Amino acid sequence: MEIKPVGRRVLVRPVKDEKTKGGIYIPDSAKESRKEGQVLAVGTGKDGKELPLKKGDRIIYGGYSSEEFEINGEKYVVVQFKDIVAKIEV
C-alpha cells in the first residue's frame, strides 16, 4: 500500500527516541510539543511543485493539527508543511 499526502502535507514516521542519553525514560506527558520523525512521502505545493523535502529526510515538527493513525501496528503522522520546523542534516 502506498500513501500519498494531498496538498501541502507530509507523511512522517515518528522517531521513538523516548530515552535520554543518560538512559532516563521520558513519559509522554513530560515531552515537549516539538517532535522528530522521518519523511515517508511528500505532497505538492499550491503550484503543483514538489515541497523541498524528500523520502528519508529527518525532520522536527510541531503543531497540534497533525493527523495520527496506525497501520499494521506502525504509527504514522500526516503534518502540514507549515508545521515543519527544521530538517536535520547529518
PDB file of N, CA and C in Angstrom:
ATOM      1  N   MET A   1       0.837  -1.171   0.000  1.00  0.00           N
ATOM      2  CA  MET A   1       0.000   0.000   0.000  1.00  0.00           C
ATOM      3  C   MET A   1       0.886   1.238   0.000  1.00  0.00           C
ATOM      4  N   GLU A   2       0.485   2.231  -0.766  1.00  0.00           N
ATOM      5  CA  GLU A   2       1.220   3.489  -0.822  1.00  0.00           C
ATOM      6  C   GLU A   2       0.310   4.616  -0.373  1.00  0.00           C
ATOM      7  N   ILE A   3       0.821   5.474   0.494  1.00  0.00           N
ATOM      8  CA  ILE A   3       0.060   6.620   0.985  1.00  0.00           C
ATOM      9  C   ILE A   3       0.701   7.871   0.433  1.00  0.00           C
ATOM     10  N   LYS A   4      -0.071   8.690  -0.288  1.00  0.00           N
ATOM     11  CA  LYS A   4       0.427   9.928  -0.877  1.00  0.00           C
ATOM     12  C   LYS A   4      -0.328  11.098  -0.254  1.00  0.00           C
ATOM     13  N   PRO A   5       0.358  11.973   0.493  1.00  0.00           N
ATOM     14  CA  PRO A   5      -0.314  13.133   1.091  1.00  0.00           C
ATOM     15  C   PRO A   5      -0.868  14.068   0.014  1.00  0.00           C
ATOM     16  N   VAL A   6      -1.985  14.688   0.315  1.00  0.00           N
ATOM     17  CA  VAL A   6      -2.630  15.608  -0.606  1.00  0.00           C
ATOM     18  C   VAL A   6      -2.306  17.035  -0.185  1.00  0.00           C
ATOM     19  N   GLY A   7      -1.962  17.880  -1.150  1.00  0.00           N
ATOM     20  CA  GLY A   7      -1.668  19.279  -0.846  1.00  0.00           C
ATOM     21  C   GLY A   7      -0.340  19.435  -0.121  1.00  0.00           C
ATOM     22  N   ARG A   8      -0.260  20.466   0.695  1.00  0.00           N
ATOM     23  CA  ARG A   8       0.979  20.807   1.403  1.00  0.00           C
ATOM     24  C   ARG A   8       1.096  20.015   2.702  1.00  0.00           C
ATOM     25  N   ARG A   9       1.077  18.694   2.577  1.00  0.00           N
ATOM     26  CA  ARG A   9       1.183  17.817   3.736  1.00  0.00           C
ATOM     27  C   ARG A   9       2.335  16.842   3.546  1.00  0.00           C
ATOM     28  N   VAL A  10       2.829  16.309   4.670  1.00  0.00           N
ATOM     29  CA  VAL A  10       3.959  15.387   4.646  1.00  0.00           C
ATOM     30  C   VAL A  10       3.617  14.191   5.531  1.00  0.00           C
ATOM     31  N   LEU A  11       3.862  12.977   5.023  1.00  0.00           N
ATOM     32  CA  LEU A  11       3.667  11.758   5.798  1.00  0.00           C
ATOM     33  C   LEU A  11       4.954  11.452   6.539  1.00  0.00           C
ATOM     34  N   VAL A  12       4.852  11.264   7.869  1.00  0.00           N
ATOM     35  CA  VAL A  12       6.023  11.115   8.726  1.00  0.00           C
ATOM     36  C   VAL A  12       5.871   9.865   9.592  1.00  0.00           C
ATOM     37  N   ARG A  13       6.984   9.157   9.785  1.00  0.00           N
ATOM     38  CA  ARG A  13       7.044   8.093  10.782  1.00  0.00           C
ATOM     39  C   ARG A  13       7.742   8.682  11.998  1.00  0.00           C
ATOM     40  N   PRO A  14       7.023   8.824  13.122  1.00  0.00           N
ATOM     41  CA  PRO A  14       7.641   9.403  14.312  1.00  0.00           C
ATOM     42  C   PRO A  14       8.825   8.561  14.789  1.00  0.00           C
ATOM     43  N   VAL A  15       9.875   9.238  15.230  1.00  0.00           N
ATOM     44  CA  VAL A  15      11.049   8.571  15.791  1.00  0.00           C
ATOM     45  C   VAL A  15      10.756   8.295  17.254  1.00  0.00           C
ATOM     46  N   LYS A  16      11.076   7.097  17.700  1.00  0.00           N
ATOM     47  CA  LYS A  16      10.723   6.687  19.057  1.00  0.00           C
ATOM     48  C   LYS A  16      11.893   6.823  20.023  1.00  0.00           C
ATOM     49  N   ASP A  17      12.557   7.968  20.033  1.00  0.00           N
ATOM     50  CA  ASP A  17      13.638   8.230  20.986  1.00  0.00           C
ATOM     51  C   ASP A  17      13.019   8.723  22.282  1.00  0.00           C
ATOM     52  N   GLU A  18      12.572   7.816  23.112  1.00  0.00           N
ATOM     53  CA  GLU A  18      11.905   8.174  24.354  1.00  0.00           C
ATOM     54  C   GLU A  18      12.846   8.106  25.554  1.00  0.00           C
ATOM     55  N   LYS A  19      14.146   7.941  25.277  1.00  0.00           N
ATOM     56  CA  LYS A  19      15.115   7.795  26.352  1.00  0.00           C
ATOM     57  C   LYS A  19      16.197   8.856  26.177  1.00  0.00           C
ATOM     58  N   THR A  20      16.625   9.467  27.272  1.00  0.00           N
ATOM     59  CA  THR A  20      17.692  10.463  27.210  1.00  0.00           C
ATOM     60  C   THR A  20      19.038   9.761  27.043  1.00  0.00           C
ATOM     61  N   LYS A  21      20.070  10.539  26.752  1.00  0.00           N
ATOM     62  CA  LYS A  21      21.411   9.964  26.602  1.00  0.00           C
ATOM     63  C   LYS A  21      21.882   9.294  27.884  1.00  0.00           C
ATOM     64  N   GLY A  22      21.386   9.751  29.022  1.00  0.00           N
ATOM     65  CA  GLY A  22      21.748   9.169  30.311  1.00  0.00           C
ATOM     66  C   GLY A  22      20.956   7.916  30.650  1.00  0.00           C
ATOM     67  N   GLY A  23      20.004   7.533  29.770  1.00  0.00           N
ATOM     68  CA  GLY A  23      19.237   6.316  29.984  1.00  0.00           C
ATOM     69  C   GLY A  23      17.929   6.512  30.720  1.00  0.00           C
ATOM     70  N   ILE A  24      17.504   7.761  30.899  1.00  0.00           N
ATOM     71  CA  ILE A  24      16.257   8.037  31.601  1.00  0.00           C
ATOM     72  C   ILE A  24      15.113   8.058  30.592  1.00  0.00           C
ATOM     73  N   TYR A  25      14.044   7.302  30.868  1.00  0.00           N
ATOM     74  CA  TYR A  25      12.868   7.291  30.001  1.00  0.00           C
ATOM     75  C   TYR A  25      11.973   8.478  30.320  1.00  0.00           C
ATOM     76  N   ILE A  26      11.445   9.109  29.257  1.00  0.00           N
ATOM     77  CA  ILE A  26      10.608  10.287  29.414  1.00  0.00           C
ATOM     78  C   ILE A  26       9.162   9.903  29.096  1.00  0.00           C
ATOM     79  N   PRO A  27       8.223  10.103  30.029  1.00  0.00           N
ATOM     80  CA  PRO A  27       6.822   9.786  29.754  1.00  0.00           C
ATOM     81  C   PRO A  27       6.224  10.776  28.748  1.00  0.00           C
ATOM     82  N   ASP A  28       5.177  10.357  28.028  1.00  0.00           N
ATOM     83  CA  ASP A  28       4.531  11.216  27.042  1.00  0.00           C
ATOM     84  C   ASP A  28       4.065  12.537  27.634  1.00  0.00           C
ATOM     85  N   SER A  29       3.613  12.526  28.875  1.00  0.00           N
ATOM     86  CA  SER A  29       3.101  13.744  29.499  1.00  0.00           C
ATOM     87  C   SER A  29       4.186  14.789  29.736  1.00  0.00           C
ATOM     88  N   ALA A  30       5.449  14.377  29.761  1.00  0.00           N
ATOM     89  CA  ALA A  30       6.544  15.308  30.034  1.00  0.00           C
ATOM     90  C   ALA A  30       7.272  15.759  28.770  1.00  0.00           C
ATOM     91  N   LYS A  31       6.898  15.228  27.619  1.00  0.00           N
ATOM     92  CA  LYS A  31       7.591  15.577  26.378  1.00  0.00           C
ATOM     93  C   LYS A  31       7.200  16.975  25.911  1.00  0.00           C
ATOM     94  N   GLU A  32       8.117  17.605  25.190  1.00  0.00           N
ATOM     95  CA  GLU A  32       7.844  18.914  24.607  1.00  0.00           C
ATOM     96  C   GLU A  32       6.932  18.739  23.404  1.00  0.00           C
ATOM     97  N   SER A  33       6.360  19.840  22.925  1.00  0.00           N
ATOM     98  CA  SER A  33       5.415  19.749  21.815  1.00  0.00           C
ATOM     99  C   SER A  33       6.107  19.491  20.472  1.00  0.00           C
ATOM    100  N   ARG A  34       7.388  19.788  20.350  1.00  0.00           N
ATOM    101  CA  ARG A  34       8.099  19.506  19.106  1.00  0.00           C
ATOM    102  C   ARG A  34       8.463  18.036  19.040  1.00  0.00           C
ATOM    103  N   LYS A  35       8.345  17.478  17.850  1.00  0.00           N
ATOM    104  CA  LYS A  35       8.587  16.057  17.674  1.00  0.00           C
ATOM    105  C   LYS A  35       9.540  15.829  16.510  1.00  0.00           C
ATOM    106  N   GLU A  36      10.120  14.646  16.468  1.00  0.00           N
ATOM    107  CA  GLU A  36      11.065  14.294  15.414  1.00  0.00           C
ATOM    108  C   GLU A  36      10.519  13.103  14.645  1.00  0.00           C
ATOM    109  N   GLY A  37      10.789  13.075  13.329  1.00  0.00           N
ATOM    110  CA  GLY A  37      10.313  11.968  12.512  1.00  0.00           C
ATOM    111  C   GLY A  37      11.069  11.845  11.211  1.00  0.00           C
ATOM    112  N   GLN A  38      10.738  10.775  10.475  1.00  0.00           N
ATOM    113  CA  GLN A  38      11.348  10.510   9.177  1.00  0.00           C
ATOM    114  C   GLN A  38      10.283  10.647   8.102  1.00  0.00           C
ATOM    115  N   VAL A  39      10.598  11.395   7.037  1.00  0.00           N
ATOM    116  CA  VAL A  39       9.661  11.635   5.947  1.00  0.00           C
ATOM    117  C   VAL A  39       9.489  10.359   5.129  1.00  0.00           C
ATOM    118  N   LEU A  40       8.227   9.976   4.893  1.00  0.00           N
ATOM    119  CA  LEU A  40       7.918   8.805   4.077  1.00  0.00           C
ATOM    120  C   LEU A  40       7.350   9.190   2.720  1.00  0.00           C
ATOM    121  N   ALA A  41       6.604  10.299   2.661  1.00  0.00           N
ATOM    122  CA  ALA A  41       6.024  10.777   1.401  1.00  0.00           C
ATOM    123  C   ALA A  41       5.744  12.264   1.532  1.00  0.00           C
ATOM    124  N   VAL A  42       5.752  12.960   0.394  1.00  0.00           N
ATOM    125  CA  VAL A  42       5.585  14.410   0.377  1.00  0.00           C
ATOM    126  C   VAL A  42       4.518  14.784  -0.636  1.00  0.00           C
ATOM    127  N   GLY A  43       3.629  15.700  -0.255  1.00  0.00           N
ATOM    128  CA  GLY A  43       2.615  16.217  -1.171  1.00  0.00           C
ATOM    129  C   GLY A  43       3.210  17.290  -2.071  1.00  0.00           C
ATOM    130  N   THR A  44       2.345  18.124  -2.640  1.00  0.00           N
ATOM    131  CA  THR A  44       2.804  19.188  -3.541  1.00  0.00           C
ATOM    132  C   THR A  44       2.298  20.536  -3.059  1.00  0.00           C
ATOM    133  N   GLY A  45       2.957  21.589  -3.526  1.00  0.00           N
ATOM    134  CA  GLY A  45       2.551  22.946  -3.194  1.00  0.00           C
ATOM    135  C   GLY A  45       1.348  23.371  -4.001  1.00  0.00           C
ATOM    136  N   LYS A  46       0.887  24.599  -3.783  1.00  0.00           N
ATOM    137  CA  LYS A  46      -0.280  25.120  -4.499  1.00  0.00           C
ATOM    138  C   LYS A  46      -0.057  25.186  -6.002  1.00  0.00           C
ATOM    139  N   ASP A  47       1.197  25.401  -6.404  1.00  0.00           N
ATOM    140  CA  ASP A  47       1.526  25.494  -7.821  1.00  0.00           C
ATOM    141  C   ASP A  47       1.811  24.132  -8.451  1.00  0.00           C
ATOM    142  N   GLY A  48       1.677  23.069  -7.693  1.00  0.00           N
ATOM    143  CA  GLY A  48       1.914  21.722  -8.209  1.00  0.00           C
ATOM    144  C   GLY A  48       3.349  21.251  -8.107  1.00  0.00           C
ATOM    145  N   LYS A  49       4.244  22.105  -7.615  1.00  0.00           N
ATOM    146  CA  LYS A  49       5.650  21.735  -7.485  1.00  0.00           C
ATOM    147  C   LYS A  49       5.872  20.940  -6.202  1.00  0.00           C
ATOM    148  N   GLU A  50       6.915  20.110  -6.210  1.00  0.00           N
ATOM    149  CA  GLU A  50       7.269  19.310  -5.033  1.00  0.00           C
ATOM    150  C   GLU A  50       7.700  20.221  -3.890  1.00  0.00           C
ATOM    151  N   LEU A  51       7.395  19.801  -2.666  1.00  0.00           N
ATOM    152  CA  LEU A  51       7.866  20.524  -1.488  1.00  0.00           C
ATOM    153  C   LEU A  51       9.355  20.215  -1.302  1.00  0.00           C
ATOM    154  N   PRO A  52      10.119  21.086  -0.618  1.00  0.00           N
ATOM    155  CA  PRO A  52      11.574  20.901  -0.508  1.00  0.00           C
ATOM    156  C   PRO A  52      11.999  19.830   0.502  1.00  0.00           C
ATOM    157  N   LEU A  53      11.327  18.697   0.500  1.00  0.00           N
ATOM    158  CA  LEU A  53      11.681  17.553   1.327  1.00  0.00           C
ATOM    159  C   LEU A  53      11.619  16.313   0.455  1.00  0.00           C
ATOM    160  N   LYS A  54      12.303  15.269   0.884  1.00  0.00           N
ATOM    161  CA  LYS A  54      12.245  14.015   0.127  1.00  0.00           C
ATOM    162  C   LYS A  54      12.161  12.843   1.092  1.00  0.00           C
ATOM    163  N   LYS A  55      11.779  11.708   0.574  1.00  0.00           N
ATOM    164  CA  LYS A  55      11.664  10.498   1.383  1.00  0.00           C
ATOM    165  C   LYS A  55      13.000  10.217   2.056  1.00  0.00           C
ATOM    166  N   GLY A  56      12.954   9.907   3.353  1.00  0.00           N
ATOM    167  CA  GLY A  56      14.161   9.609   4.105  1.00  0.00           C
ATOM    168  C   GLY A  56      14.704  10.771   4.909  1.00  0.00           C
ATOM    169  N   ASP A  57      14.272  12.009   4.603  1.00  0.00           N
ATOM    170  CA  ASP A  57      14.727  13.168   5.385  1.00  0.00           C
ATOM    171  C   ASP A  57      14.257  13.043   6.824  1.00  0.00           C
ATOM    172  N   ARG A  58      15.062  13.525   7.747  1.00  0.00           N
ATOM    173  CA  ARG A  58      14.702  13.531   9.166  1.00  0.00           C
ATOM    174  C   ARG A  58      14.326  14.964   9.517  1.00  0.00           C
ATOM    175  N   ILE A  59      13.168  15.139  10.156  1.00  0.00           N
ATOM    176  CA  ILE A  59      12.652  16.481  10.416  1.00  0.00           C
ATOM    177  C   ILE A  59      12.226  16.641  11.870  1.00  0.00           C
ATOM    178  N   ILE A  60      12.090  17.897  12.271  1.00  0.00           N
ATOM    179  CA  ILE A  60      11.492  18.258  13.550  1.00  0.00           C
ATOM    180  C   ILE A  60      10.205  18.988  13.202  1.00  0.00           C
ATOM    181  N   TYR A  61       9.107  18.570  13.819  1.00  0.00           N
ATOM    182  CA  TYR A  61       7.823  19.198  13.531  1.00  0.00           C
ATOM    183  C   TYR A  61       7.101  19.522  14.826  1.00  0.00           C
ATOM    184  N   GLY A  62       6.216  20.475  14.744  1.00  0.00           N
ATOM    185  CA  GLY A  62       5.417  20.872  15.898  1.00  0.00           C
ATOM    186  C   GLY A  62       3.969  20.938  15.491  1.00  0.00           C
ATOM    187  N   GLY A  63       3.206  21.767  16.146  1.00  0.00           N
ATOM    188  CA  GLY A  63       1.802  21.941  15.809  1.00  0.00           C
ATOM    189  C   GLY A  63       0.915  20.921  16.492  1.00  0.00           C
ATOM    190  N   TYR A  64      -0.355  21.249  16.520  1.00  0.00           N
ATOM    191  CA  TYR A  64      -1.323  20.394  17.188  1.00  0.00           C
ATOM    192  C   TYR A  64      -2.349  19.830  16.214  1.00  0.00           C
ATOM    193  N   SER A  65      -2.242  20.168  14.937  1.00  0.00           N
ATOM    194  CA  SER A  65      -3.260  19.751  13.973  1.00  0.00           C
ATOM    195  C   SER A  65      -2.837  18.545  13.138  1.00  0.00           C
ATOM    196  N   SER A  66      -1.857  17.782  13.588  1.00  0.00           N
ATOM    197  CA  SER A  66      -1.426  16.617  12.820  1.00  0.00           C
ATOM    198  C   SER A  66      -2.440  15.485  12.959  1.00  0.00           C
ATOM    199  N   GLU A  67      -2.517  14.664  11.926  1.00  0.00           N
ATOM    200  CA  GLU A  67      -3.406  13.507  11.911  1.00  0.00           C
ATOM    201  C   GLU A  67      -2.584  12.262  12.196  1.00  0.00           C
ATOM    202  N   GLU A  68      -2.857  11.586  13.295  1.00  0.00           N
ATOM    203  CA  GLU A  68      -2.125  10.381  13.653  1.00  0.00           C
ATOM    204  C   GLU A  68      -2.989   9.168  13.325  1.00  0.00           C
ATOM    205  N   PHE A  69      -2.349   8.106  12.803  1.00  0.00           N
ATOM    206  CA  PHE A  69      -3.067   6.865  12.530  1.00  0.00           C
ATOM    207  C   PHE A  69      -2.094   5.700  12.593  1.00  0.00           C
ATOM    208  N   GLU A  70      -2.634   4.490  12.595  1.00  0.00           N
ATOM    209  CA  GLU A  70      -1.820   3.290  12.724  1.00  0.00           C
ATOM    210  C   GLU A  70      -2.245   2.282  11.665  1.00  0.00           C
ATOM    211  N   ILE A  71      -1.249   1.672  10.994  1.00  0.00           N
ATOM    212  CA  ILE A  71      -1.499   0.617  10.011  1.00  0.00           C
ATOM    213  C   ILE A  71      -0.552  -0.525  10.323  1.00  0.00           C
ATOM    214  N   ASN A  72      -1.101  -1.715  10.505  1.00  0.00           N
ATOM    215  CA  ASN A  72      -0.315  -2.919  10.814  1.00  0.00           C
ATOM    216  C   ASN A  72       0.628  -2.704  11.999  1.00  0.00           C
ATOM    217  N   GLY A  73       0.155  -2.015  13.019  1.00  0.00           N
ATOM    218  CA  GLY A  73       0.948  -1.802  14.223  1.00  0.00           C
ATOM    219  C   GLY A  73       1.992  -0.707  14.121  1.00  0.00           C
ATOM    220  N   GLU A  74       2.112  -0.055  12.982  1.00  0.00           N
ATOM    221  CA  GLU A  74       3.094   1.022  12.777  1.00  0.00           C
ATOM    222  C   GLU A  74       2.371   2.369  12.845  1.00  0.00           C
ATOM    223  N   LYS A  75       2.918   3.311  13.625  1.00  0.00           N
ATOM    224  CA  LYS A  75       2.297   4.624  13.771  1.00  0.00           C
ATOM    225  C   LYS A  75       2.816   5.582  12.705  1.00  0.00           C
ATOM    226  N   TYR A  76       1.891   6.402  12.168  1.00  0.00           N
ATOM    227  CA  TYR A  76       2.207   7.397  11.157  1.00  0.00           C
ATOM    228  C   TYR A  76       1.538   8.714  11.540  1.00  0.00           C
ATOM    229  N   VAL A  77       2.089   9.805  11.005  1.00  0.00           N
ATOM    230  CA  VAL A  77       1.543  11.134  11.249  1.00  0.00           C
ATOM    231  C   VAL A  77       1.556  11.888   9.929  1.00  0.00           C
ATOM    232  N   VAL A  78       0.464  12.592   9.629  1.00  0.00           N
ATOM    233  CA  VAL A  78       0.428  13.493   8.480  1.00  0.00           C
ATOM    234  C   VAL A  78       0.425  14.906   9.046  1.00  0.00           C
ATOM    235  N   VAL A  79       1.448  15.691   8.689  1.00  0.00           N
ATOM    236  CA  VAL A  79       1.571  17.051   9.217  1.00  0.00           C
ATOM    237  C   VAL A  79       1.512  18.059   8.079  1.00  0.00           C
ATOM    238  N   GLN A  80       1.040  19.240   8.406  1.00  0.00           N
ATOM    239  CA  GLN A  80       1.050  20.348   7.449  1.00  0.00           C
ATOM    240  C   GLN A  80       2.498  20.775   7.234  1.00  0.00           C
ATOM    241  N   PHE A  81       2.847  21.159   6.021  1.00  0.00           N
ATOM    242  CA  PHE A  81       4.205  21.592   5.726  1.00  0.00           C
ATOM    243  C   PHE A  81       4.600  22.789   6.587  1.00  0.00           C
ATOM    244  N   LYS A  82       3.651  23.660   6.884  1.00  0.00           N
ATOM    245  CA  LYS A  82       3.941  24.857   7.699  1.00  0.00           C
ATOM    246  C   LYS A  82       4.339  24.504   9.128  1.00  0.00           C
ATOM    247  N   ASP A  83       3.998  23.288   9.590  1.00  0.00           N
ATOM    248  CA  ASP A  83       4.328  22.868  10.951  1.00  0.00           C
ATOM    249  C   ASP A  83       5.705  22.213  11.054  1.00  0.00           C
ATOM    250  N   ILE A  84       6.398  22.071   9.931  1.00  0.00           N
ATOM    251  CA  ILE A  84       7.745  21.501   9.954  1.00  0.00           C
ATOM    252  C   ILE A  84       8.715  22.617  10.328  1.00  0.00           C
ATOM    253  N   VAL A  85       9.427  22.391  11.416  1.00  0.00           N
ATOM    254  CA  VAL A  85      10.302  23.423  11.982  1.00  0.00           C
ATOM    255  C   VAL A  85      11.686  23.381  11.365  1.00  0.00           C
ATOM    256  N   ALA A  86      12.229  22.152  11.160  1.00  0.00           N
ATOM    257  CA  ALA A  86      13.600  22.040  10.657  1.00  0.00           C
ATOM    258  C   ALA A  86      13.824  20.687  10.008  1.00  0.00           C
ATOM    259  N   LYS A  87      14.828  20.659   9.134  1.00  0.00           N
ATOM    260  CA  LYS A  87      15.301  19.426   8.526  1.00  0.00           C
ATOM    261  C   LYS A  87      16.652  19.123   9.171  1.00  0.00           C
ATOM    262  N   ILE A  88      16.827  17.909   9.662  1.00  0.00           N
ATOM    263  CA  ILE A  88      18.063  17.537  10.336  1.00  0.00           C
ATOM    264  C   ILE A  88      19.032  16.970   9.302  1.00  0.00           C
ATOM    265  N   GLU A  89      20.193  17.591   9.196  1.00  0.00           N
ATOM    266  CA  GLU A  89      21.215  17.125   8.268  1.00  0.00           C
ATOM    267  C   GLU A  89      22.395  16.594   9.062  1.00  0.00           C
ATOM    268  N   VAL A  90      22.813  15.402   8.719  1.00  0.00           N
ATOM    269  CA  VAL A  90      23.905  14.758   9.457  1.00  0.00           C
ATOM    270  C   VAL A  90      25.174  14.827   8.656  1.00  0.00           C
TER     271      VAL A  90
END
